[in-house]
Amino acid sequence: MVWYVYVGWFFAGAFLTNAIPHVVQGMCGNCFQTPFASPRRVGESSAVVNVVWGFCNLAIGGALLYIFLPQLPPPWPLCAVALIGGLIIALYLARHFGKVRKEAPHP
């Protein structure tokens, strides 16, 4: 399989995983960090912004899977690469948001 298919699935996994906390926090009515907050990556955005941002991530991840889907069912190496992409972004976000939430006072 061509190398860029693995890259596409890696980023699909990252986008789909990143959608989870934003959609969940938004649906719960909680504020959460987004790229649109002020200050960037530290401030919190409203619940509505988080839901929209989460669904944008879902759309991008789904589009990447659709574009790079070679066959049904997908080969296991592609699924593994998508899971690795999801794991890497999840670990990064856990570290980043854990640090931000620990340092910033919350109402």
N, C-alpha and C. Protein backbone atom coordinates (compact mmCIF):
# COMPACT_ATOMS: atom_id res chain seq x y z
N MET A 1 0.84 -1.18 0.00
CA MET A 1 0.00 0.00 0.00
C MET A 1 0.89 1.25 0.00
N VAL A 2 0.43 2.30 -0.62
CA VAL A 2 1.20 3.54 -0.76
C VAL A 2 1.29 4.24 0.60
N TRP A 3 2.41 4.90 0.87
CA TRP A 3 2.69 5.50 2.18
C TRP A 3 1.66 6.54 2.58
N TYR A 4 1.14 7.33 1.63
CA TYR A 4 0.22 8.42 2.01
C TYR A 4 -1.14 7.91 2.49
N VAL A 5 -1.48 6.67 2.18
CA VAL A 5 -2.71 6.09 2.73
C VAL A 5 -2.56 5.93 4.24
N TYR A 6 -1.39 5.50 4.69
CA TYR A 6 -1.14 5.37 6.13
C TYR A 6 -1.17 6.74 6.81
N VAL A 7 -0.63 7.74 6.15
CA VAL A 7 -0.66 9.10 6.71
C VAL A 7 -2.11 9.58 6.82
N GLY A 8 -2.91 9.33 5.79
CA GLY A 8 -4.32 9.72 5.82
C GLY A 8 -5.07 9.06 6.96
N TRP A 9 -4.84 7.77 7.16
CA TRP A 9 -5.51 7.06 8.25
C TRP A 9 -4.99 7.50 9.61
N PHE A 10 -3.71 7.82 9.72
CA PHE A 10 -3.16 8.34 10.96
C PHE A 10 -3.89 9.62 11.37
N PHE A 11 -4.03 10.56 10.43
CA PHE A 11 -4.70 11.81 10.74
C PHE A 11 -6.20 11.64 10.92
N ALA A 12 -6.78 10.68 10.24
CA ALA A 12 -8.20 10.38 10.47
C ALA A 12 -8.41 9.95 11.91
N GLY A 13 -7.54 9.07 12.41
CA GLY A 13 -7.63 8.64 13.81
C GLY A 13 -7.44 9.80 14.77
N ALA A 14 -6.52 10.70 14.45
CA ALA A 14 -6.27 11.86 15.31
C ALA A 14 -7.49 12.79 15.33
N PHE A 15 -8.06 13.09 14.18
CA PHE A 15 -9.23 13.97 14.13
C PHE A 15 -10.43 13.34 14.82
N LEU A 16 -10.67 12.06 14.59
CA LEU A 16 -11.82 11.41 15.21
C LEU A 16 -11.67 11.34 16.72
N THR A 17 -10.46 11.10 17.20
CA THR A 17 -10.23 11.08 18.65
C THR A 17 -10.37 12.47 19.25
N ASN A 18 -9.89 13.49 18.56
CA ASN A 18 -9.99 14.86 19.06
C ASN A 18 -11.45 15.32 19.13
N ALA A 19 -12.31 14.75 18.33
CA ALA A 19 -13.72 15.14 18.35
C ALA A 19 -14.40 14.74 19.66
N ILE A 20 -13.97 13.65 20.26
CA ILE A 20 -14.66 13.09 21.42
C ILE A 20 -14.76 14.08 22.59
N PRO A 21 -13.65 14.64 23.10
CA PRO A 21 -13.79 15.51 24.27
C PRO A 21 -14.58 16.78 23.98
N HIS A 22 -14.46 17.30 22.77
CA HIS A 22 -15.18 18.54 22.44
C HIS A 22 -16.69 18.30 22.37
N VAL A 23 -17.09 17.23 21.72
CA VAL A 23 -18.52 16.94 21.63
C VAL A 23 -19.09 16.61 23.00
N VAL A 24 -18.38 15.80 23.77
CA VAL A 24 -18.87 15.40 25.09
C VAL A 24 -18.97 16.61 26.02
N GLN A 25 -17.91 17.41 26.10
CA GLN A 25 -17.95 18.58 26.98
C GLN A 25 -19.04 19.56 26.53
N GLY A 26 -19.16 19.75 25.23
CA GLY A 26 -20.19 20.65 24.72
C GLY A 26 -21.59 20.16 25.03
N MET A 27 -21.82 18.87 24.83
CA MET A 27 -23.14 18.31 25.11
C MET A 27 -23.48 18.37 26.59
N CYS A 28 -22.46 18.34 27.44
CA CYS A 28 -22.68 18.45 28.89
C CYS A 28 -22.86 19.90 29.33
N GLY A 29 -22.69 20.83 28.38
CA GLY A 29 -22.85 22.24 28.71
C GLY A 29 -21.61 22.86 29.33
N ASN A 30 -20.49 22.19 29.24
CA ASN A 30 -19.25 22.68 29.86
C ASN A 30 -18.42 23.48 28.87
N CYS A 31 -17.70 24.45 29.39
CA CYS A 31 -16.71 25.16 28.59
C CYS A 31 -15.47 24.28 28.51
N PHE A 32 -14.72 24.41 27.41
CA PHE A 32 -13.53 23.60 27.21
C PHE A 32 -12.63 24.33 26.22
N GLN A 33 -11.35 24.02 26.23
CA GLN A 33 -10.39 24.69 25.36
C GLN A 33 -10.61 24.32 23.90
N THR A 34 -10.53 25.32 23.03
CA THR A 34 -10.52 25.11 21.58
C THR A 34 -9.46 26.05 20.99
N PRO A 35 -9.13 25.87 19.72
CA PRO A 35 -8.19 26.81 19.10
C PRO A 35 -8.74 28.23 18.99
N PHE A 36 -10.04 28.41 19.19
CA PHE A 36 -10.66 29.71 19.03
C PHE A 36 -10.75 30.50 20.32
N ALA A 37 -10.33 29.91 21.43
CA ALA A 37 -10.42 30.57 22.73
C ALA A 37 -9.37 31.66 22.85
N SER A 38 -9.58 32.54 23.81
CA SER A 38 -8.62 33.60 24.06
C SER A 38 -8.20 33.49 25.53
N PRO A 39 -6.93 33.34 25.83
CA PRO A 39 -5.78 33.16 24.97
C PRO A 39 -5.80 31.79 24.30
N ARG A 40 -5.19 31.73 23.12
CA ARG A 40 -5.22 30.49 22.32
C ARG A 40 -4.68 29.31 23.09
N ARG A 41 -5.40 28.18 22.96
CA ARG A 41 -5.01 26.88 23.53
C ARG A 41 -5.05 26.84 25.05
N VAL A 42 -5.41 27.93 25.69
CA VAL A 42 -5.46 27.95 27.15
C VAL A 42 -6.86 28.36 27.62
N GLY A 43 -7.43 29.40 26.99
CA GLY A 43 -8.77 29.86 27.37
C GLY A 43 -9.83 28.85 26.98
N GLU A 44 -11.00 29.03 27.52
CA GLU A 44 -12.09 28.08 27.25
C GLU A 44 -13.12 28.70 26.32
N SER A 45 -13.69 27.85 25.47
CA SER A 45 -14.76 28.27 24.57
C SER A 45 -16.08 27.76 25.11
N SER A 46 -17.16 28.33 24.61
CA SER A 46 -18.49 27.93 25.08
C SER A 46 -18.82 26.51 24.65
N ALA A 47 -19.88 25.98 25.23
CA ALA A 47 -20.32 24.63 24.91
C ALA A 47 -20.71 24.51 23.43
N VAL A 48 -21.36 25.53 22.90
CA VAL A 48 -21.79 25.49 21.50
C VAL A 48 -20.57 25.45 20.57
N VAL A 49 -19.57 26.27 20.86
CA VAL A 49 -18.35 26.27 20.04
C VAL A 49 -17.68 24.90 20.10
N ASN A 50 -17.69 24.27 21.26
CA ASN A 50 -17.08 22.95 21.39
C ASN A 50 -17.83 21.90 20.58
N VAL A 51 -19.14 21.94 20.57
CA VAL A 51 -19.91 20.98 19.77
C VAL A 51 -19.62 21.18 18.29
N VAL A 52 -19.60 22.44 17.84
CA VAL A 52 -19.31 22.71 16.43
C VAL A 52 -17.90 22.26 16.08
N TRP A 53 -16.93 22.57 16.94
CA TRP A 53 -15.54 22.17 16.68
C TRP A 53 -15.41 20.65 16.67
N GLY A 54 -16.10 19.98 17.59
CA GLY A 54 -16.07 18.52 17.62
C GLY A 54 -16.65 17.92 16.36
N PHE A 55 -17.76 18.46 15.88
CA PHE A 55 -18.36 17.93 14.66
C PHE A 55 -17.52 18.25 13.43
N CYS A 56 -16.80 19.36 13.44
CA CYS A 56 -15.85 19.64 12.35
C CYS A 56 -14.75 18.58 12.33
N ASN A 57 -14.25 18.21 13.51
CA ASN A 57 -13.25 17.15 13.60
C ASN A 57 -13.82 15.82 13.11
N LEU A 58 -15.07 15.52 13.47
CA LEU A 58 -15.70 14.29 12.98
C LEU A 58 -15.82 14.29 11.46
N ALA A 59 -16.20 15.43 10.89
CA ALA A 59 -16.35 15.53 9.44
C ALA A 59 -15.01 15.35 8.73
N ILE A 60 -13.97 15.98 9.26
CA ILE A 60 -12.64 15.85 8.64
C ILE A 60 -12.14 14.41 8.75
N GLY A 61 -12.26 13.82 9.93
CA GLY A 61 -11.83 12.43 10.11
C GLY A 61 -12.61 11.47 9.22
N GLY A 62 -13.91 11.67 9.14
CA GLY A 62 -14.74 10.82 8.27
C GLY A 62 -14.39 11.00 6.81
N ALA A 63 -14.13 12.24 6.40
CA ALA A 63 -13.75 12.49 5.00
C ALA A 63 -12.41 11.83 4.68
N LEU A 64 -11.47 11.89 5.60
CA LEU A 64 -10.18 11.23 5.37
C LEU A 64 -10.35 9.72 5.24
N LEU A 65 -11.19 9.12 6.07
CA LEU A 65 -11.44 7.69 5.95
C LEU A 65 -12.08 7.36 4.61
N TYR A 66 -13.03 8.18 4.19
CA TYR A 66 -13.71 7.95 2.92
C TYR A 66 -12.74 8.07 1.75
N ILE A 67 -11.89 9.09 1.77
CA ILE A 67 -10.94 9.32 0.68
C ILE A 67 -9.93 8.18 0.59
N PHE A 68 -9.44 7.73 1.74
CA PHE A 68 -8.36 6.75 1.74
C PHE A 68 -8.83 5.32 2.00
N LEU A 69 -10.14 5.07 1.92
CA LEU A 69 -10.66 3.73 2.16
C LEU A 69 -10.48 2.88 0.91
N PRO A 70 -9.53 1.95 0.94
CA PRO A 70 -9.24 1.18 -0.27
C PRO A 70 -10.24 0.05 -0.53
N GLN A 71 -10.78 -0.51 0.52
CA GLN A 71 -11.69 -1.64 0.37
C GLN A 71 -12.46 -1.84 1.66
N LEU A 72 -13.49 -2.63 1.62
CA LEU A 72 -14.24 -2.98 2.82
C LEU A 72 -14.07 -4.46 3.08
N PRO A 73 -13.80 -4.93 4.23
CA PRO A 73 -13.38 -4.15 5.39
C PRO A 73 -11.96 -3.63 5.20
N PRO A 74 -11.61 -2.58 5.92
CA PRO A 74 -10.26 -2.02 5.75
C PRO A 74 -9.21 -2.99 6.27
N PRO A 75 -8.04 -2.99 5.64
CA PRO A 75 -6.97 -3.87 6.11
C PRO A 75 -6.53 -3.50 7.53
N TRP A 76 -6.12 -4.49 8.31
CA TRP A 76 -5.76 -4.25 9.71
C TRP A 76 -4.62 -3.27 9.87
N PRO A 77 -3.63 -3.18 8.95
CA PRO A 77 -2.57 -2.18 9.16
C PRO A 77 -3.12 -0.75 9.15
N LEU A 78 -4.12 -0.49 8.33
CA LEU A 78 -4.70 0.86 8.31
C LEU A 78 -5.44 1.14 9.62
N CYS A 79 -6.15 0.16 10.11
CA CYS A 79 -6.84 0.34 11.40
C CYS A 79 -5.84 0.58 12.52
N ALA A 80 -4.74 -0.15 12.48
CA ALA A 80 -3.70 0.03 13.50
C ALA A 80 -3.10 1.43 13.43
N VAL A 81 -2.86 1.93 12.22
CA VAL A 81 -2.31 3.27 12.07
C VAL A 81 -3.31 4.31 12.55
N ALA A 82 -4.59 4.14 12.27
CA ALA A 82 -5.61 5.07 12.77
C ALA A 82 -5.65 5.06 14.29
N LEU A 83 -5.55 3.88 14.88
CA LEU A 83 -5.53 3.80 16.35
C LEU A 83 -4.29 4.46 16.93
N ILE A 84 -3.15 4.31 16.28
CA ILE A 84 -1.92 4.97 16.75
C ILE A 84 -2.08 6.48 16.67
N GLY A 85 -2.67 6.97 15.57
CA GLY A 85 -2.94 8.42 15.47
C GLY A 85 -3.86 8.89 16.58
N GLY A 86 -4.89 8.11 16.87
CA GLY A 86 -5.80 8.46 17.96
C GLY A 86 -5.12 8.44 19.30
N LEU A 87 -4.27 7.44 19.54
CA LEU A 87 -3.56 7.35 20.81
C LEU A 87 -2.60 8.52 21.00
N ILE A 88 -1.88 8.88 19.95
CA ILE A 88 -0.92 9.98 20.07
C ILE A 88 -1.63 11.29 20.37
N ILE A 89 -2.72 11.59 19.66
CA ILE A 89 -3.43 12.85 19.92
C ILE A 89 -4.10 12.81 21.29
N ALA A 90 -4.59 11.65 21.72
CA ALA A 90 -5.21 11.53 23.04
C ALA A 90 -4.20 11.78 24.15
N LEU A 91 -3.01 11.21 24.01
CA LEU A 91 -1.97 11.42 25.02
C LEU A 91 -1.53 12.88 25.06
N TYR A 92 -1.37 13.48 23.88
CA TYR A 92 -0.99 14.90 23.82
C TYR A 92 -2.07 15.77 24.48
N LEU A 93 -3.33 15.53 24.13
CA LEU A 93 -4.41 16.35 24.68
C LEU A 93 -4.55 16.14 26.18
N ALA A 94 -4.37 14.91 26.65
CA ALA A 94 -4.45 14.64 28.09
C ALA A 94 -3.39 15.42 28.84
N ARG A 95 -2.19 15.42 28.30
CA ARG A 95 -1.10 16.16 28.94
C ARG A 95 -1.35 17.67 28.89
N HIS A 96 -1.75 18.17 27.71
CA HIS A 96 -1.97 19.61 27.54
C HIS A 96 -3.12 20.10 28.41
N PHE A 97 -4.28 19.46 28.31
CA PHE A 97 -5.44 19.92 29.06
C PHE A 97 -5.27 19.69 30.56
N GLY A 98 -4.57 18.62 30.93
CA GLY A 98 -4.28 18.40 32.34
C GLY A 98 -3.45 19.52 32.92
N LYS A 99 -2.46 19.97 32.17
CA LYS A 99 -1.60 21.06 32.62
C LYS A 99 -2.40 22.37 32.69
N VAL A 100 -3.20 22.64 31.67
CA VAL A 100 -3.98 23.89 31.63
C VAL A 100 -5.00 23.91 32.76
N ARG A 101 -5.70 22.82 32.98
CA ARG A 101 -6.72 22.77 34.02
C ARG A 101 -6.10 22.82 35.42
N LYS A 102 -4.91 22.30 35.56
CA LYS A 102 -4.25 22.31 36.87
C LYS A 102 -3.78 23.72 37.24
N GLU A 103 -3.33 24.48 36.23
CA GLU A 103 -2.78 25.81 36.49
C GLU A 103 -3.84 26.89 36.57
N ALA A 104 -4.90 26.78 35.80
CA ALA A 104 -5.91 27.84 35.73
C ALA A 104 -6.97 27.65 36.81
N PRO A 105 -7.35 28.75 37.47
CA PRO A 105 -8.45 28.64 38.44
C PRO A 105 -9.78 28.48 37.72
N HIS A 106 -10.67 27.70 38.28
CA HIS A 106 -11.98 27.46 37.68
C HIS A 106 -13.07 27.97 38.61
N PRO A 107 -14.10 28.54 38.02
CA PRO A 107 -15.21 29.04 38.86
C PRO A 107 -16.00 27.91 39.51
